[in-house]
């Protein structure tokens, strides 16, 4: 495996990790907002 291939693999892993983190954060924010709205109605 050349260093270029290794870099490409690392980039893919980092991108996947960032996307996963972003999705988790987005879901967390939406869930909290939804819960907040429910509390306001009650």
PDB file of N, CA and C in Angstrom:
ATOM      1  N   UNK A   1       0.854  -1.201   0.000  1.00  0.00           N
ATOM      2  CA  UNK A   1       0.000   0.000   0.000  1.00  0.00           C
ATOM      3  C   UNK A   1       0.885   1.245   0.000  1.00  0.00           C
ATOM      4  N   UNK A   2       0.659   2.125  -0.949  1.00  0.00           N
ATOM      5  CA  UNK A   2       1.462   3.347  -1.022  1.00  0.00           C
ATOM      6  C   UNK A   2       0.941   4.360  -0.011  1.00  0.00           C
ATOM      7  N   UNK A   3       1.745   5.390   0.242  1.00  0.00           N
ATOM      8  CA  UNK A   3       1.332   6.409   1.210  1.00  0.00           C
ATOM      9  C   UNK A   3       0.111   7.178   0.708  1.00  0.00           C
ATOM     10  N   UNK A   4      -0.009   7.307  -0.630  1.00  0.00           N
ATOM     11  CA  UNK A   4      -1.176   8.011  -1.192  1.00  0.00           C
ATOM     12  C   UNK A   4      -2.456   7.250  -0.881  1.00  0.00           C
ATOM     13  N   UNK A   5      -2.416   5.938  -1.057  1.00  0.00           N
ATOM     14  CA  UNK A   5      -3.585   5.097  -0.776  1.00  0.00           C
ATOM     15  C   UNK A   5      -3.936   5.158   0.709  1.00  0.00           C
ATOM     16  N   UNK A   6      -2.913   5.166   1.540  1.00  0.00           N
ATOM     17  CA  UNK A   6      -3.115   5.231   2.983  1.00  0.00           C
ATOM     18  C   UNK A   6      -3.796   6.546   3.351  1.00  0.00           C
ATOM     19  N   UNK A   7      -3.337   7.641   2.753  1.00  0.00           N
ATOM     20  CA  UNK A   7      -3.938   8.956   3.012  1.00  0.00           C
ATOM     21  C   UNK A   7      -5.404   8.963   2.595  1.00  0.00           C
ATOM     22  N   UNK A   8      -5.687   8.387   1.441  1.00  0.00           N
ATOM     23  CA  UNK A   8      -7.065   8.363   0.940  1.00  0.00           C
ATOM     24  C   UNK A   8      -7.956   7.589   1.911  1.00  0.00           C
ATOM     25  N   UNK A   9      -7.456   6.464   2.423  1.00  0.00           N
ATOM     26  CA  UNK A   9      -8.213   5.666   3.380  1.00  0.00           C
ATOM     27  C   UNK A   9      -8.468   6.439   4.661  1.00  0.00           C
ATOM     28  N   UNK A  10      -7.441   7.156   5.131  1.00  0.00           N
ATOM     29  CA  UNK A  10      -7.582   7.953   6.352  1.00  0.00           C
ATOM     30  C   UNK A  10      -8.599   9.061   6.139  1.00  0.00           C
ATOM     31  N   UNK A  11      -8.548   9.714   4.986  1.00  0.00           N
ATOM     32  CA  UNK A  11      -9.512  10.778   4.661  1.00  0.00           C
ATOM     33  C   UNK A  11     -10.934  10.238   4.715  1.00  0.00           C
ATOM     34  N   UNK A  12     -11.155   9.057   4.150  1.00  0.00           N
ATOM     35  CA  UNK A  12     -12.494   8.460   4.129  1.00  0.00           C
ATOM     36  C   UNK A  12     -12.976   8.180   5.548  1.00  0.00           C
ATOM     37  N   UNK A  13     -12.078   7.663   6.386  1.00  0.00           N
ATOM     38  CA  UNK A  13     -12.435   7.352   7.779  1.00  0.00           C
ATOM     39  C   UNK A  13     -12.782   8.633   8.528  1.00  0.00           C
ATOM     40  N   UNK A  14     -11.972   9.677   8.341  1.00  0.00           N
ATOM     41  CA  UNK A  14     -12.212  10.961   9.011  1.00  0.00           C
ATOM     42  C   UNK A  14     -13.536  11.551   8.548  1.00  0.00           C
ATOM     43  N   UNK A  15     -13.790  11.501   7.236  1.00  0.00           N
ATOM     44  CA  UNK A  15     -15.049  12.039   6.700  1.00  0.00           C
ATOM     45  C   UNK A  15     -16.238  11.295   7.286  1.00  0.00           C
ATOM     46  N   UNK A  16     -16.152   9.973   7.372  1.00  0.00           N
ATOM     47  CA  UNK A  16     -17.245   9.173   7.940  1.00  0.00           C
ATOM     48  C   UNK A  16     -17.467   9.532   9.400  1.00  0.00           C
ATOM     49  N   UNK A  17     -16.373   9.721  10.142  1.00  0.00           N
ATOM     50  CA  UNK A  17     -16.478  10.070  11.563  1.00  0.00           C
ATOM     51  C   UNK A  17     -17.144  11.428  11.735  1.00  0.00           C
ATOM     52  N   UNK A  18     -16.768  12.396  10.886  1.00  0.00           N
ATOM     53  CA  UNK A  18     -17.350  13.738  10.960  1.00  0.00           C
ATOM     54  C   UNK A  18     -18.839  13.684  10.629  1.00  0.00           C
ATOM     55  N   UNK A  19     -19.197  12.939   9.577  1.00  0.00           N
ATOM     56  CA  UNK A  19     -20.607  12.821   9.182  1.00  0.00           C
ATOM     57  C   UNK A  19     -21.400  12.169  10.315  1.00  0.00           C
ATOM     58  N   UNK A  20     -20.837  11.129  10.925  1.00  0.00           N
ATOM     59  CA  UNK A  20     -21.511  10.434  12.019  1.00  0.00           C
ATOM     60  C   UNK A  20     -21.723  11.379  13.202  1.00  0.00           C
ATOM     61  N   UNK A  21     -20.686  12.155  13.554  1.00  0.00           N
ATOM     62  CA  UNK A  21     -20.782  13.115  14.655  1.00  0.00           C
ATOM     63  C   UNK A  21     -21.834  14.170  14.356  1.00  0.00           C
ATOM     64  N   UNK A  22     -21.828  14.677  13.127  1.00  0.00           N
ATOM     65  CA  UNK A  22     -22.767  15.719  12.722  1.00  0.00           C
ATOM     66  C   UNK A  22     -24.203  15.198  12.784  1.00  0.00           C
ATOM     67  N   UNK A  23     -24.417  13.978  12.296  1.00  0.00           N
ATOM     68  CA  UNK A  23     -25.760  13.376  12.325  1.00  0.00           C
ATOM     69  C   UNK A  23     -26.238  13.190  13.760  1.00  0.00           C
ATOM     70  N   UNK A  24     -25.345  12.716  14.647  1.00  0.00           N
ATOM     71  CA  UNK A  24     -25.711  12.511  16.046  1.00  0.00           C
ATOM     72  C   UNK A  24     -26.076  13.833  16.700  1.00  0.00           C
ATOM     73  N   UNK A  25     -25.283  14.867  16.420  1.00  0.00           N
ATOM     74  CA  UNK A  25     -25.527  16.194  16.992  1.00  0.00           C
ATOM     75  C   UNK A  25     -26.861  16.738  16.506  1.00  0.00           C
ATOM     76  N   UNK A  26     -27.116  16.593  15.213  1.00  0.00           N
ATOM     77  CA  UNK A  26     -28.357  17.094  14.613  1.00  0.00           C
ATOM     78  C   UNK A  26     -29.562  16.393  15.247  1.00  0.00           C
ATOM     79  N   UNK A  27     -29.474  15.073  15.391  1.00  0.00           N
ATOM     80  CA  UNK A  27     -30.558  14.294  15.974  1.00  0.00           C
ATOM     81  C   UNK A  27     -30.799  14.730  17.420  1.00  0.00           C
ATOM     82  N   UNK A  28     -29.714  14.958  18.163  1.00  0.00           N
ATOM     83  CA  UNK A  28     -29.796  15.376  19.561  1.00  0.00           C
ATOM     84  C   UNK A  28     -30.493  16.725  19.676  1.00  0.00           C
ATOM     85  N   UNK A  29     -30.119  17.676  18.816  1.00  0.00           N
ATOM     86  CA  UNK A  29     -30.713  19.017  18.831  1.00  0.00           C
ATOM     87  C   UNK A  29     -32.199  18.948  18.484  1.00  0.00           C
ATOM     88  N   UNK A  30     -32.539  18.196  17.439  1.00  0.00           N
ATOM     89  CA  UNK A  30     -33.940  18.075  17.018  1.00  0.00           C
ATOM     90  C   UNK A  30     -34.756  17.426  18.135  1.00  0.00           C
ATOM     91  N   UNK A  31     -34.216  16.390  18.768  1.00  0.00           N
ATOM     92  CA  UNK A  31     -34.913  15.692  19.848  1.00  0.00           C
ATOM     93  C   UNK A  31     -35.164  16.637  21.015  1.00  0.00           C
ATOM     94  N   UNK A  32     -34.154  17.439  21.387  1.00  0.00           N
ATOM     95  CA  UNK A  32     -34.306  18.385  22.491  1.00  0.00           C
ATOM     96  C   UNK A  32     -35.325  19.455  22.154  1.00  0.00           C
ATOM     97  N   UNK A  33     -35.312  19.957  20.926  1.00  0.00           N
ATOM     98  CA  UNK A  33     -36.284  20.972  20.506  1.00  0.00           C
ATOM     99  C   UNK A  33     -37.689  20.395  20.563  1.00  0.00           C
ATOM    100  N   UNK A  34     -37.852  19.172  20.095  1.00  0.00           N
ATOM    101  CA  UNK A  34     -39.161  18.513  20.081  1.00  0.00           C
ATOM    102  C   UNK A  34     -39.672  18.345  21.518  1.00  0.00           C
ATOM    103  N   UNK A  35     -38.783  17.918  22.406  1.00  0.00           N
ATOM    104  CA  UNK A  35     -39.142  17.729  23.810  1.00  0.00           C
ATOM    105  C   UNK A  35     -39.516  19.071  24.437  1.00  0.00           C
ATOM    106  N   UNK A  36     -38.768  20.113  24.096  1.00  0.00           N
ATOM    107  CA  UNK A  36     -39.042  21.454  24.611  1.00  0.00           C
ATOM    108  C   UNK A  36     -40.419  21.933  24.192  1.00  0.00           C
ATOM    109  N   UNK A  37     -40.781  21.702  22.927  1.00  0.00           N
ATOM    110  CA  UNK A  37     -42.101  22.107  22.427  1.00  0.00           C
ATOM    111  C   UNK A  37     -43.194  21.350  23.176  1.00  0.00           C
ATOM    112  N   UNK A  38     -42.985  20.065  23.440  1.00  0.00           N
ATOM    113  CA  UNK A  38     -43.982  19.253  24.133  1.00  0.00           C
ATOM    114  C   UNK A  38     -44.208  19.797  25.542  1.00  0.00           C
ATOM    115  N   UNK A  39     -43.131  20.193  26.212  1.00  0.00           N
ATOM    116  CA  UNK A  39     -43.254  20.723  27.566  1.00  0.00           C
ATOM    117  C   UNK A  39     -44.047  22.027  27.565  1.00  0.00           C
ATOM    118  N   UNK A  40     -43.817  22.864  26.548  1.00  0.00           N
ATOM    119  CA  UNK A  40     -44.517  24.151  26.471  1.00  0.00           C
ATOM    120  C   UNK A  40     -46.022  23.937  26.334  1.00  0.00           C
ATOM    121  N   UNK A  41     -46.424  22.930  25.560  1.00  0.00           N
ATOM    122  CA  UNK A  41     -47.852  22.669  25.338  1.00  0.00           C
ATOM    123  C   UNK A  41     -48.532  22.219  26.623  1.00  0.00           C
ATOM    124  N   UNK A  42     -47.825  21.459  27.441  1.00  0.00           N
ATOM    125  CA  UNK A  42     -48.391  20.936  28.704  1.00  0.00           C
ATOM    126  C   UNK A  42     -48.399  22.042  29.727  1.00  0.00           C
TER     127      UNK A  42
END
